[in-house]
Amino acid sequence: MMTAEDLIVYLQKLPKGTIIGCVFLQCSDICPLEEHMLEFFDKAKYDEQASEIRRGRGPWVEIPQYIVRNGQIMEYSIHTFPPEEIPQFVSVLVFPGY
């Protein structure tokens, strides 16, 4: 079980400028927060993977990408995003929820 101090220590490990998004996963119970329940999707890691793939190195692994659009954080999909807009990718920390 995490305390508020544990959460602060965890957050201090993240890259500066990380956007903290409240994305709630579907759960049937309310339970104490634990570190393994938090998911961090790092924009820099996706950018690095995309760069390696462009150079012909490494296998493709799907990493969720998040964007800020109209003041909202949402998962990016190339299939539904308007082609005339430039996506603003961000790193996001996802909390569990209901």
N, C-alpha and C. Protein backbone atom coordinates (compact mmCIF):
# COMPACT_ATOMS: atom_id res chain seq x y z
N MET A 1 0.85 -1.17 0.00
CA MET A 1 0.00 0.00 0.00
C MET A 1 0.90 1.24 0.00
N MET A 2 0.60 2.20 -0.87
CA MET A 2 1.38 3.43 -0.96
C MET A 2 0.85 4.48 0.00
N THR A 3 1.76 5.22 0.59
CA THR A 3 1.37 6.41 1.35
C THR A 3 1.52 7.62 0.43
N ALA A 4 1.06 8.77 0.88
CA ALA A 4 1.23 9.99 0.09
C ALA A 4 2.71 10.26 -0.14
N GLU A 5 3.54 9.98 0.87
CA GLU A 5 4.99 10.19 0.72
C GLU A 5 5.56 9.25 -0.34
N ASP A 6 5.09 7.98 -0.37
CA ASP A 6 5.55 7.03 -1.39
C ASP A 6 5.21 7.53 -2.79
N LEU A 7 4.00 8.07 -2.93
CA LEU A 7 3.56 8.58 -4.23
C LEU A 7 4.42 9.76 -4.65
N ILE A 8 4.75 10.64 -3.73
CA ILE A 8 5.59 11.80 -4.05
C ILE A 8 6.98 11.34 -4.50
N VAL A 9 7.55 10.36 -3.81
CA VAL A 9 8.86 9.82 -4.19
C VAL A 9 8.79 9.22 -5.59
N TYR A 10 7.72 8.49 -5.89
CA TYR A 10 7.54 7.90 -7.22
C TYR A 10 7.47 8.99 -8.28
N LEU A 11 6.68 10.02 -8.02
CA LEU A 11 6.50 11.09 -8.99
C LEU A 11 7.80 11.86 -9.23
N GLN A 12 8.64 11.98 -8.21
CA GLN A 12 9.91 12.69 -8.36
C GLN A 12 10.89 11.94 -9.25
N LYS A 13 10.68 10.64 -9.48
CA LYS A 13 11.54 9.85 -10.35
C LYS A 13 11.22 10.09 -11.83
N LEU A 14 10.04 10.62 -12.13
CA LEU A 14 9.62 10.81 -13.52
C LEU A 14 10.34 12.00 -14.15
N PRO A 15 10.45 12.01 -15.47
CA PRO A 15 11.11 13.14 -16.15
C PRO A 15 10.40 14.46 -15.86
N LYS A 16 11.17 15.51 -15.77
CA LYS A 16 10.60 16.84 -15.56
C LYS A 16 9.67 17.17 -16.72
N GLY A 17 8.57 17.82 -16.44
CA GLY A 17 7.62 18.21 -17.47
C GLY A 17 6.62 17.12 -17.82
N THR A 18 6.65 16.00 -17.10
CA THR A 18 5.68 14.93 -17.37
C THR A 18 4.29 15.42 -17.04
N ILE A 19 3.36 15.17 -17.93
CA ILE A 19 1.97 15.50 -17.68
C ILE A 19 1.35 14.33 -16.95
N ILE A 20 0.71 14.60 -15.83
CA ILE A 20 0.07 13.55 -15.05
C ILE A 20 -1.39 13.52 -15.43
N GLY A 21 -1.80 12.46 -16.10
CA GLY A 21 -3.18 12.33 -16.54
C GLY A 21 -3.95 11.42 -15.61
N CYS A 22 -5.17 11.77 -15.35
CA CYS A 22 -6.05 10.90 -14.57
C CYS A 22 -6.85 10.05 -15.54
N VAL A 23 -6.34 8.90 -15.84
CA VAL A 23 -7.02 7.96 -16.72
C VAL A 23 -7.44 6.81 -15.83
N PHE A 24 -8.73 6.55 -15.76
CA PHE A 24 -9.20 5.52 -14.86
C PHE A 24 -9.46 4.23 -15.61
N LEU A 25 -8.84 3.15 -15.12
CA LEU A 25 -9.07 1.84 -15.67
C LEU A 25 -10.30 1.25 -14.99
N GLN A 26 -11.01 0.38 -15.67
CA GLN A 26 -12.22 -0.20 -15.08
C GLN A 26 -11.84 -1.22 -14.04
N CYS A 27 -12.38 -1.05 -12.85
CA CYS A 27 -12.17 -1.98 -11.75
C CYS A 27 -13.51 -2.18 -11.04
N SER A 28 -13.66 -3.30 -10.39
CA SER A 28 -14.90 -3.54 -9.67
C SER A 28 -14.77 -3.19 -8.19
N ASP A 29 -13.57 -3.04 -7.70
CA ASP A 29 -13.36 -2.77 -6.28
C ASP A 29 -12.53 -1.52 -6.08
N ILE A 30 -12.70 -0.91 -4.93
CA ILE A 30 -11.82 0.19 -4.52
C ILE A 30 -10.77 -0.44 -3.63
N CYS A 31 -9.50 -0.18 -3.93
CA CYS A 31 -8.43 -0.81 -3.18
C CYS A 31 -7.31 0.19 -2.97
N PRO A 32 -6.43 -0.06 -2.00
CA PRO A 32 -5.29 0.84 -1.78
C PRO A 32 -4.39 0.89 -3.00
N LEU A 33 -3.83 2.06 -3.25
CA LEU A 33 -2.93 2.26 -4.38
C LEU A 33 -1.59 1.59 -4.09
N GLU A 34 -1.07 0.88 -5.08
CA GLU A 34 0.26 0.27 -4.98
C GLU A 34 1.05 0.64 -6.22
N GLU A 35 2.37 0.72 -6.09
CA GLU A 35 3.21 1.20 -7.19
C GLU A 35 3.05 0.38 -8.46
N HIS A 36 2.87 -0.93 -8.34
CA HIS A 36 2.75 -1.77 -9.55
C HIS A 36 1.47 -1.47 -10.33
N MET A 37 0.52 -0.76 -9.74
CA MET A 37 -0.73 -0.41 -10.42
C MET A 37 -0.57 0.81 -11.33
N LEU A 38 0.49 1.59 -11.12
CA LEU A 38 0.72 2.79 -11.91
C LEU A 38 1.41 2.41 -13.22
N GLU A 39 0.97 2.99 -14.32
CA GLU A 39 1.61 2.75 -15.61
C GLU A 39 2.12 4.08 -16.16
N PHE A 40 3.39 4.11 -16.55
CA PHE A 40 3.98 5.31 -17.10
C PHE A 40 4.29 5.06 -18.57
N PHE A 41 3.69 5.87 -19.45
CA PHE A 41 3.94 5.79 -20.88
C PHE A 41 4.81 6.97 -21.26
N ASP A 42 6.06 6.68 -21.55
CA ASP A 42 7.07 7.70 -21.76
C ASP A 42 7.16 8.08 -23.24
N LYS A 43 6.90 9.34 -23.55
CA LYS A 43 6.99 9.83 -24.92
C LYS A 43 8.40 9.64 -25.47
N ALA A 44 9.42 9.88 -24.64
CA ALA A 44 10.81 9.73 -25.09
C ALA A 44 11.10 8.29 -25.50
N LYS A 45 10.53 7.32 -24.76
CA LYS A 45 10.76 5.91 -25.11
C LYS A 45 10.12 5.59 -26.45
N TYR A 46 8.93 6.12 -26.71
CA TYR A 46 8.28 5.90 -28.00
C TYR A 46 9.11 6.54 -29.12
N ASP A 47 9.56 7.78 -28.90
CA ASP A 47 10.36 8.47 -29.91
C ASP A 47 11.63 7.68 -30.24
N GLU A 48 12.27 7.12 -29.20
CA GLU A 48 13.50 6.33 -29.39
C GLU A 48 13.19 5.07 -30.20
N GLN A 49 12.09 4.39 -29.87
CA GLN A 49 11.72 3.18 -30.59
C GLN A 49 11.41 3.49 -32.06
N ALA A 50 10.68 4.57 -32.30
CA ALA A 50 10.33 4.96 -33.67
C ALA A 50 11.60 5.27 -34.47
N SER A 51 12.57 5.92 -33.84
CA SER A 51 13.83 6.24 -34.50
C SER A 51 14.59 4.96 -34.87
N GLU A 52 14.62 3.98 -33.97
CA GLU A 52 15.31 2.71 -34.23
C GLU A 52 14.64 1.97 -35.40
N ILE A 53 13.32 2.00 -35.43
CA ILE A 53 12.59 1.30 -36.50
C ILE A 53 12.86 1.96 -37.85
N ARG A 54 12.92 3.31 -37.88
CA ARG A 54 13.22 4.01 -39.13
C ARG A 54 14.60 3.64 -39.65
N ARG A 55 15.53 3.33 -38.74
CA ARG A 55 16.88 2.92 -39.14
C ARG A 55 16.96 1.43 -39.46
N GLY A 56 15.83 0.73 -39.35
CA GLY A 56 15.80 -0.70 -39.66
C GLY A 56 16.28 -1.60 -38.55
N ARG A 57 16.28 -1.09 -37.32
CA ARG A 57 16.73 -1.88 -36.18
C ARG A 57 15.57 -2.14 -35.23
N GLY A 58 15.58 -3.31 -34.63
CA GLY A 58 14.63 -3.61 -33.56
C GLY A 58 13.22 -3.92 -34.01
N PRO A 59 12.53 -4.77 -33.25
CA PRO A 59 11.16 -5.12 -33.57
C PRO A 59 10.19 -4.03 -33.11
N TRP A 60 9.06 -3.96 -33.76
CA TRP A 60 8.03 -3.00 -33.39
C TRP A 60 7.23 -3.55 -32.22
N VAL A 61 7.13 -2.79 -31.15
CA VAL A 61 6.30 -3.14 -30.00
C VAL A 61 5.35 -1.97 -29.80
N GLU A 62 4.07 -2.27 -29.74
CA GLU A 62 3.06 -1.22 -29.60
C GLU A 62 3.15 -0.57 -28.22
N ILE A 63 3.49 0.71 -28.18
CA ILE A 63 3.50 1.49 -26.95
C ILE A 63 2.37 2.52 -27.08
N PRO A 64 1.44 2.54 -26.14
CA PRO A 64 0.37 3.54 -26.26
C PRO A 64 0.95 4.96 -26.30
N GLN A 65 0.39 5.78 -27.16
CA GLN A 65 0.81 7.17 -27.27
C GLN A 65 -0.34 8.04 -26.81
N TYR A 66 -0.02 9.08 -26.07
CA TYR A 66 -1.04 10.00 -25.59
C TYR A 66 -0.77 11.40 -26.14
N ILE A 67 -1.84 12.14 -26.36
CA ILE A 67 -1.75 13.50 -26.89
C ILE A 67 -2.62 14.42 -26.03
N VAL A 68 -2.33 15.71 -26.13
CA VAL A 68 -3.20 16.72 -25.55
C VAL A 68 -3.95 17.34 -26.72
N ARG A 69 -5.27 17.30 -26.66
CA ARG A 69 -6.10 17.87 -27.72
C ARG A 69 -7.31 18.52 -27.09
N ASN A 70 -7.52 19.79 -27.40
CA ASN A 70 -8.64 20.55 -26.83
C ASN A 70 -8.64 20.51 -25.31
N GLY A 71 -7.44 20.57 -24.72
CA GLY A 71 -7.32 20.59 -23.27
C GLY A 71 -7.55 19.25 -22.60
N GLN A 72 -7.65 18.18 -23.37
CA GLN A 72 -7.89 16.84 -22.84
C GLN A 72 -6.73 15.93 -23.21
N ILE A 73 -6.43 14.99 -22.32
CA ILE A 73 -5.44 13.96 -22.63
C ILE A 73 -6.19 12.77 -23.18
N MET A 74 -5.75 12.28 -24.33
CA MET A 74 -6.41 11.12 -24.93
C MET A 74 -5.39 10.24 -25.62
N GLU A 75 -5.77 8.96 -25.80
CA GLU A 75 -4.88 8.05 -26.50
C GLU A 75 -4.92 8.38 -27.99
N TYR A 76 -3.74 8.39 -28.59
CA TYR A 76 -3.60 8.75 -30.00
C TYR A 76 -3.86 7.54 -30.89
N SER A 77 -4.60 7.78 -31.96
CA SER A 77 -4.81 6.76 -32.99
C SER A 77 -4.65 7.45 -34.34
N ILE A 78 -3.73 6.96 -35.13
CA ILE A 78 -3.49 7.55 -36.45
C ILE A 78 -4.73 7.42 -37.35
N HIS A 79 -5.57 6.43 -37.05
CA HIS A 79 -6.75 6.16 -37.88
C HIS A 79 -7.88 7.17 -37.64
N THR A 80 -7.93 7.77 -36.45
CA THR A 80 -9.04 8.68 -36.14
C THR A 80 -8.60 10.13 -35.97
N PHE A 81 -7.29 10.37 -35.92
CA PHE A 81 -6.81 11.73 -35.72
C PHE A 81 -6.88 12.51 -37.04
N PRO A 82 -7.42 13.74 -37.01
CA PRO A 82 -7.52 14.52 -38.25
C PRO A 82 -6.13 14.77 -38.86
N PRO A 83 -5.95 14.44 -40.14
CA PRO A 83 -4.62 14.57 -40.77
C PRO A 83 -4.14 16.02 -40.88
N GLU A 84 -5.04 16.99 -40.82
CA GLU A 84 -4.62 18.39 -40.93
C GLU A 84 -4.07 18.94 -39.60
N GLU A 85 -4.24 18.20 -38.50
CA GLU A 85 -3.73 18.64 -37.19
C GLU A 85 -2.39 17.96 -36.90
N ILE A 86 -1.54 18.65 -36.15
CA ILE A 86 -0.27 18.08 -35.72
C ILE A 86 -0.44 17.62 -34.28
N PRO A 87 -0.29 16.31 -34.01
CA PRO A 87 -0.49 15.82 -32.64
C PRO A 87 0.59 16.32 -31.69
N GLN A 88 0.18 16.67 -30.47
CA GLN A 88 1.11 17.09 -29.42
C GLN A 88 1.26 15.92 -28.45
N PHE A 89 2.29 15.08 -28.68
CA PHE A 89 2.50 13.89 -27.86
C PHE A 89 3.04 14.27 -26.49
N VAL A 90 2.61 13.52 -25.47
CA VAL A 90 3.04 13.77 -24.10
C VAL A 90 3.28 12.44 -23.39
N SER A 91 4.12 12.48 -22.34
CA SER A 91 4.27 11.35 -21.45
C SER A 91 3.12 11.40 -20.45
N VAL A 92 2.62 10.24 -20.05
CA VAL A 92 1.45 10.21 -19.17
C VAL A 92 1.63 9.12 -18.10
N LEU A 93 1.23 9.45 -16.88
CA LEU A 93 1.17 8.48 -15.80
C LEU A 93 -0.29 8.11 -15.61
N VAL A 94 -0.60 6.81 -15.70
CA VAL A 94 -1.98 6.35 -15.61
C VAL A 94 -2.21 5.71 -14.24
N PHE A 95 -3.23 6.22 -13.55
CA PHE A 95 -3.63 5.67 -12.26
C PHE A 95 -4.76 4.66 -12.45
N PRO A 96 -4.85 3.66 -11.58
CA PRO A 96 -6.00 2.77 -11.65
C PRO A 96 -7.24 3.50 -11.16
N GLY A 97 -8.39 2.96 -11.41
CA GLY A 97 -9.62 3.60 -10.94
C GLY A 97 -10.83 2.79 -11.33
N TYR A 98 -11.96 3.43 -11.25
CA TYR A 98 -13.19 2.73 -11.59
C TYR A 98 -14.13 3.64 -12.34
